[in-house]
Protein backbone atom coordinates (compact mmCIF):
# COMPACT_ATOMS: atom_id res chain seq x y z
CA MET A 1 149.20 132.15 100.60
CA GLY A 2 150.70 128.74 101.30
CA GLY A 3 153.46 127.13 99.31
CA ALA A 4 156.48 125.16 100.52
CA SER A 5 156.12 122.55 103.25
CA PHE A 6 157.41 122.04 106.75
CA ASP A 7 161.00 120.72 106.98
CA PRO A 8 162.39 119.65 110.39
CA ALA A 9 165.91 120.57 109.26
CA HIS A 10 164.82 124.10 108.45
CA TRP A 11 163.10 124.28 111.83
CA ALA A 12 166.29 123.22 113.60
CA THR A 13 168.23 125.99 111.84
CA PHE A 14 165.57 128.57 112.73
CA SER A 15 165.40 127.44 116.35
CA SER A 16 169.16 127.50 116.80
CA ALA A 17 169.48 130.99 115.34
CA LYS A 18 166.44 132.74 116.76
CA VAL A 19 165.01 130.85 119.74
CA ALA A 20 167.35 128.52 121.60
CA GLY A 21 168.67 129.95 124.86
CA LYS A 22 166.92 133.28 124.41
CA ALA A 23 164.48 134.99 126.74
CA THR A 24 160.92 135.59 125.57
CA SER A 25 161.66 139.31 125.10
CA ALA A 26 164.56 138.46 122.79
CA VAL A 27 162.39 136.14 120.69
CA PHE A 28 159.29 138.34 120.48
CA THR A 29 160.95 141.67 119.79
CA ALA A 30 157.96 143.61 118.43
CA ARG A 31 157.12 146.69 120.49
CA GLY A 32 153.95 147.39 118.59
CA LEU A 33 151.82 145.96 115.80
CA ARG A 34 153.94 144.80 112.86
CA ASP A 35 152.67 145.73 109.40
CA ALA A 36 152.75 142.09 108.33
CA LEU A 37 150.16 141.22 111.00
CA ASP A 38 148.01 144.37 110.75
CA PRO A 39 144.43 143.47 109.72
CA LYS A 40 144.02 146.90 108.11
CA LEU A 41 146.81 146.08 105.66
CA MET A 42 145.53 142.72 104.39
CA LYS A 43 145.51 142.57 100.60
CA ASN A 44 141.89 142.75 99.47
CA MET A 45 141.00 142.45 103.18
CA LEU A 46 141.54 138.69 102.91
CA ARG A 47 143.87 135.97 104.10
CA GLU A 48 143.88 133.08 101.64
CA SER A 49 144.66 129.37 101.91
CA CYS A 50 145.16 128.31 98.30
CA ASP A 51 146.00 124.97 96.72
CA ASP A 52 149.25 124.82 94.76
CA ASP A 53 151.64 122.24 93.29
CA VAL A 54 153.23 121.52 96.68
CA CYS A 55 149.95 121.48 98.63
CA PRO A 56 147.26 120.45 96.13
CA ASN A 57 144.72 119.54 98.85
CA SER A 58 145.25 122.27 101.42
CA THR A 59 143.51 122.34 104.80
CA ALA A 60 143.18 125.69 106.56
CA ILE A 61 144.02 125.63 110.29
CA ILE A 62 143.77 128.82 112.36
CA VAL A 63 145.19 128.95 115.89
CA GLY A 64 144.27 132.06 117.87
CA LEU A 65 146.68 132.59 120.78
CA ASP A 66 145.79 134.76 123.77
CA GLU A 67 148.81 137.05 124.27
CA THR A 68 147.51 138.94 127.31
CA GLY A 69 148.98 138.74 130.81
CA SER A 70 150.01 135.24 131.86
CA MET A 71 148.97 133.84 128.47
CA GLY A 72 152.19 135.10 126.89
CA ILE A 73 153.52 131.66 127.81
CA ILE A 74 151.44 130.18 124.99
CA PRO A 75 153.00 131.96 121.98
CA ASP A 76 156.39 131.41 123.63
CA TYR A 77 155.72 127.68 123.94
CA MET A 78 154.49 127.45 120.37
CA VAL A 79 157.61 129.03 118.88
CA ARG A 80 159.95 126.88 120.98
CA GLU A 81 158.23 123.48 120.79
CA GLY A 82 154.61 123.59 119.73
CA LEU A 83 154.84 124.63 116.09
CA PRO A 84 157.16 121.88 114.83
CA LYS A 85 155.21 119.34 116.88
CA LEU A 86 151.93 120.54 115.38
CA PHE A 87 153.16 120.23 111.81
CA GLN A 88 154.96 116.92 112.33
CA GLU A 89 152.08 115.19 114.09
CA ILE A 90 149.66 116.25 111.36
CA TYR A 91 152.06 114.94 108.71
CA ASP A 92 152.63 111.69 110.58
CA ARG A 93 149.02 111.01 111.62
CA LYS A 94 147.42 112.42 108.46
CA PRO A 95 144.03 113.44 109.91
CA VAL A 96 143.91 116.09 107.16
CA THR A 97 145.94 116.81 104.05
CA ASP A 98 148.42 119.60 103.36
CA PRO A 99 148.03 121.77 106.49
CA HIS A 100 148.11 125.53 106.00
CA ILE A 101 148.54 127.12 109.43
CA MET A 102 147.68 130.68 110.42
CA PHE A 103 148.34 132.24 113.82
CA MET A 104 146.30 135.04 115.30
CA GLY A 105 147.44 137.06 118.29
CA VAL A 106 144.39 137.74 120.47
CA GLY A 107 144.04 140.55 122.98
CA ASP A 108 141.16 142.30 124.70
CA ALA A 109 138.95 143.73 121.95
CA GLU A 110 137.64 146.44 124.25
CA CYS A 111 140.81 147.49 126.10
CA ASP A 112 143.95 146.68 124.11
CA LEU A 113 145.56 148.76 121.38
CA TYR A 114 146.16 145.73 119.16
CA PRO A 115 143.63 143.01 120.02
CA MET A 116 143.85 141.29 116.64
CA GLN A 117 147.07 140.28 114.86
CA ILE A 118 146.79 137.95 111.89
CA SER A 119 149.48 136.04 110.01
CA GLN A 120 149.27 134.56 106.54
CA PHE A 121 148.31 130.92 105.99
CA GLU A 122 151.60 129.09 105.56
CA ALA A 123 152.69 125.51 104.95
CA GLY A 124 156.37 126.01 105.73
CA MET A 125 158.90 127.88 107.83
CA ARG A 126 157.63 131.35 106.96
CA ILE A 127 154.99 130.84 109.63
CA ALA A 128 157.69 130.66 112.32
CA ASP A 129 158.91 134.16 111.48
CA GLN A 130 155.35 135.45 111.51
CA LEU A 131 154.70 133.81 114.87
CA THR A 132 157.66 135.65 116.40
CA ASP A 133 156.34 138.90 114.89
CA ILE A 134 153.35 138.82 117.26
CA TYR A 135 153.41 141.71 119.70
CA LEU A 136 152.94 140.37 123.23
CA GLU A 137 150.96 143.38 124.41
CA GLY A 138 150.29 141.61 127.68
CA ASN A 139 147.49 143.81 128.93
CA GLY A 140 143.89 142.65 128.78
CA GLY A 141 141.14 144.16 130.88
CA GLY A 142 139.12 143.52 134.01
CA ASN A 143 136.06 142.28 132.15
CA HIS A 144 136.62 138.52 132.70
CA TYR A 145 137.06 137.77 128.98
CA GLU A 146 139.42 138.41 126.09
CA GLY A 147 138.66 138.92 122.40
CA TYR A 148 138.34 135.22 121.58
CA ILE A 149 135.42 135.75 119.20
CA PHE A 150 137.36 138.31 117.14
CA PRO A 151 139.10 135.41 115.32
CA TRP A 152 135.63 134.03 114.57
CA TYR A 153 134.74 137.30 112.85
CA MET A 154 138.04 137.41 110.98
CA ALA A 155 137.75 133.80 109.82
CA ALA A 156 134.15 134.19 108.71
CA MET A 157 134.49 137.53 106.95
CA HIS A 158 138.13 137.83 105.93
CA THR A 159 139.45 134.41 104.92
CA GLN A 160 139.13 132.49 101.67
CA ILE A 161 140.01 128.81 101.92
CA ASP A 162 140.22 126.34 99.05
CA CYS A 163 139.44 123.33 101.22
CA PHE A 164 135.92 124.71 101.63
CA LEU A 165 135.49 126.47 98.29
CA LYS A 166 136.79 123.61 96.15
CA ARG A 167 136.03 120.50 98.22
CA ASN A 168 133.31 121.60 100.65
CA LYS A 169 135.62 120.55 103.47
CA LYS A 170 135.75 122.73 106.57
CA GLY A 171 138.92 124.18 107.96
CA TYR A 172 139.76 124.32 111.67
CA LEU A 173 139.63 127.31 114.01
CA ILE A 174 141.07 126.84 117.49
CA THR A 175 141.34 129.66 120.02
CA VAL A 176 143.48 129.24 123.13
CA GLY A 177 143.20 131.11 126.42
CA ASP A 178 142.23 131.07 130.08
CA GLU A 179 139.28 133.48 130.34
CA GLU A 180 135.58 133.38 129.54
CA PRO A 181 134.11 133.82 126.03
CA THR A 182 133.44 137.35 124.87
CA PRO A 183 129.66 137.87 124.95
CA VAL A 184 129.54 140.57 122.26
CA LEU A 185 131.96 141.90 119.65
CA ARG A 186 131.22 145.61 119.34
CA LYS A 187 131.01 147.24 115.92
CA ASP A 188 133.17 150.12 117.08
CA ASP A 189 135.98 147.77 118.12
CA ILE A 190 135.84 145.97 114.77
CA ARG A 191 136.04 149.27 112.90
CA ARG A 192 138.89 150.49 115.10
CA VAL A 193 140.95 147.38 114.31
CA LEU A 194 139.98 146.85 110.67
CA GLY A 195 138.97 150.27 109.44
CA ILE A 196 135.72 148.72 108.20
CA GLY A 197 133.04 146.67 109.87
CA PRO A 198 129.38 145.86 110.40
CA GLU A 199 126.58 148.27 111.24
CA THR A 200 125.67 146.48 114.48
CA ASP A 201 127.32 144.69 117.37
CA LEU A 202 127.58 140.90 116.96
CA THR A 203 126.94 138.34 119.67
CA ALA A 204 129.14 135.32 120.22
CA GLN A 205 126.31 133.05 119.09
CA GLN A 206 125.79 134.99 115.87
CA LEU A 207 129.49 134.79 115.04
CA LEU A 208 129.68 131.11 115.94
CA ASP A 209 126.74 130.29 113.68
CA THR A 210 128.40 132.19 110.82
CA VAL A 211 131.96 130.91 111.14
CA SER A 212 130.81 127.29 111.65
CA ARG A 213 129.72 127.23 108.04
CA MET A 214 133.39 127.09 106.98
CA TYR A 215 135.28 125.97 110.08
CA HIS A 216 135.17 123.40 112.85
CA VAL A 217 135.41 125.65 115.92
CA PHE A 218 137.15 124.80 119.20
CA HIS A 219 138.36 126.69 122.24
CA VAL A 220 141.17 125.32 124.42
CA ILE A 221 140.82 126.41 128.07
CA VAL A 222 144.31 126.80 129.56
CA GLU A 223 143.80 125.68 133.15
CA GLN A 224 147.25 126.93 134.19
CA GLY A 225 146.39 130.52 133.29
CA SER A 226 146.06 132.97 136.16
CA TYR A 227 142.37 133.67 135.52
CA ALA A 228 141.29 130.07 134.96
CA SER A 229 143.22 128.82 137.96
CA HIS A 230 140.98 130.96 140.19
CA ASN A 231 137.72 130.79 138.19
CA LEU A 232 137.87 127.46 136.39
CA ASP A 233 134.30 126.32 137.06
CA GLU A 234 132.86 129.52 135.62
CA VAL A 235 135.20 129.48 132.61
CA VAL A 236 134.30 125.88 131.79
CA LYS A 237 130.58 126.57 132.29
CA LYS A 238 130.59 129.56 129.93
CA TRP A 239 132.62 127.88 127.19
CA SER A 240 130.69 124.60 127.43
CA GLY A 241 127.43 126.52 127.20
CA LEU A 242 128.62 128.10 123.97
CA LEU A 243 130.63 125.32 122.29
CA GLY A 244 129.43 122.16 124.01
CA GLN A 245 131.98 119.38 123.67
CA ASN A 246 134.24 121.58 121.56
CA ALA A 247 135.35 123.41 124.69
CA LEU A 248 138.55 121.52 125.55
CA ARG A 249 140.24 121.64 128.95
CA LEU A 250 144.04 121.75 128.78
CA ALA A 251 145.72 120.68 132.01
CA ASP A 252 149.29 121.12 130.70
CA TYR A 253 149.98 123.87 128.17
CA THR A 254 153.08 122.03 126.90
CA LYS A 255 150.67 119.48 125.38
CA LEU A 256 148.72 122.06 123.39
CA SER A 257 149.81 120.81 119.98
CA GLU A 258 148.93 117.22 120.86
CA VAL A 259 145.46 118.30 121.98
CA ILE A 260 144.87 120.29 118.79
CA VAL A 261 145.94 117.37 116.61
CA SER A 262 143.84 114.97 118.67
CA ALA A 263 140.72 117.12 118.29
CA ILE A 264 141.26 117.19 114.53
CA GLN A 265 141.69 113.39 114.46
CA VAL A 266 138.42 112.80 116.28
CA THR A 267 136.57 115.31 114.12
CA GLU A 268 137.87 113.46 111.06
CA GLY A 269 136.54 110.13 112.30
CA THR A 270 139.10 108.44 114.60
CA THR A 271 137.63 107.27 117.90
CA VAL A 272 138.58 109.02 121.12
CA ASP A 273 139.91 105.73 122.55
CA ASP A 274 142.19 105.18 119.57
CA VAL A 275 143.50 108.73 119.71
CA VAL A 276 144.20 108.60 123.44
CA LYS A 277 145.97 105.23 123.12
CA SER A 278 148.18 106.62 120.35
CA TRP A 279 149.91 108.90 122.87
CA SER A 280 152.16 107.76 125.69
CA GLY A 281 152.72 108.70 129.32
CA ASP A 282 151.48 112.02 130.64
CA THR A 283 150.48 113.14 127.15
CA SER A 284 147.77 110.48 126.95
CA LEU A 285 146.33 111.67 130.27
CA VAL A 286 146.22 115.31 129.17
CA VAL A 287 144.71 114.39 125.81
CA ALA A 288 142.11 112.12 127.44
CA LYS A 289 140.94 114.93 129.70
CA ALA A 290 140.77 117.40 126.83
CA ILE A 291 138.95 115.33 124.20
CA GLY A 292 137.09 112.81 126.34
CA GLY A 293 133.70 114.25 125.47
CA LEU A 294 134.26 114.58 121.71
CA THR A 295 132.46 112.64 119.03
CA SER A 296 133.09 112.81 115.32
CA ALA A 297 131.60 115.89 113.67
CA LYS A 298 132.67 114.78 110.22
CA SER A 299 129.18 114.89 108.81
CA GLY A 300 127.84 117.50 111.21
CA SER A 301 127.98 121.25 111.66
CA GLY A 302 131.44 121.43 113.23
CA VAL A 303 130.00 122.42 116.60
CA VAL A 304 128.29 119.52 118.34
CA ARG A 305 126.11 120.53 121.27
CA LEU A 306 125.68 118.43 124.38
């Protein structure tokens, strides 16, 4: 997919008609998994980020949003403020070319009915409609983690991205949530969600090693989430042990887009100091905390270990 490009005027029209002044339940109206986001119904079992006349040098960017429990605030924030900010800052700062953005709705792979919802890659306003199609199931389980590594499996096995295939340039995969990393993705859960799947369970490390071939992988720890606010040390320890410096601590969820863009800038070669100084006020403080440990991974594997 792809095509078109982000237009602030179109965003303003969309926001006025579908978002402004409305409660979360009136914005996210799905009461179950929408066909458009059902992994079982993907054409050829793939989501594609393809170059075209409008976006000849596309860059695939996947943002996996935890939609369980208190984390429903994150999709809500993205559709009200975060999405236009994400597009506009990438256009203005130009860390990468022609962003194609995909959203994934992430639930508990073991407990939820619909733990994986997956949009198309889009360069324009169609992504806003797909974002509001996400079903905020809001459940999760008592296992201390959500299905954050399910997007790693989907990206590795079920995406085709021209930035990598044509230019050997990695895309970006950022998951967002407040719980610990999933230790194992079970084959039965994959088959339940996709209808097909591997013959064995897959560990987080196995999936990380596989997906890092095509994507720079980050996880944003939402410190304001109900789980992280009570177990932050353990959450940070687990994610840092898995991702090293690519585990980013987010002190203010309303700065999520700025942190994502900043992580991309550093990965593409801008220094942390220059990125932090480019933001003002409270934003610079939140960004500094999130990306302070990053170094450029431009010529590396996409996951730099401490």
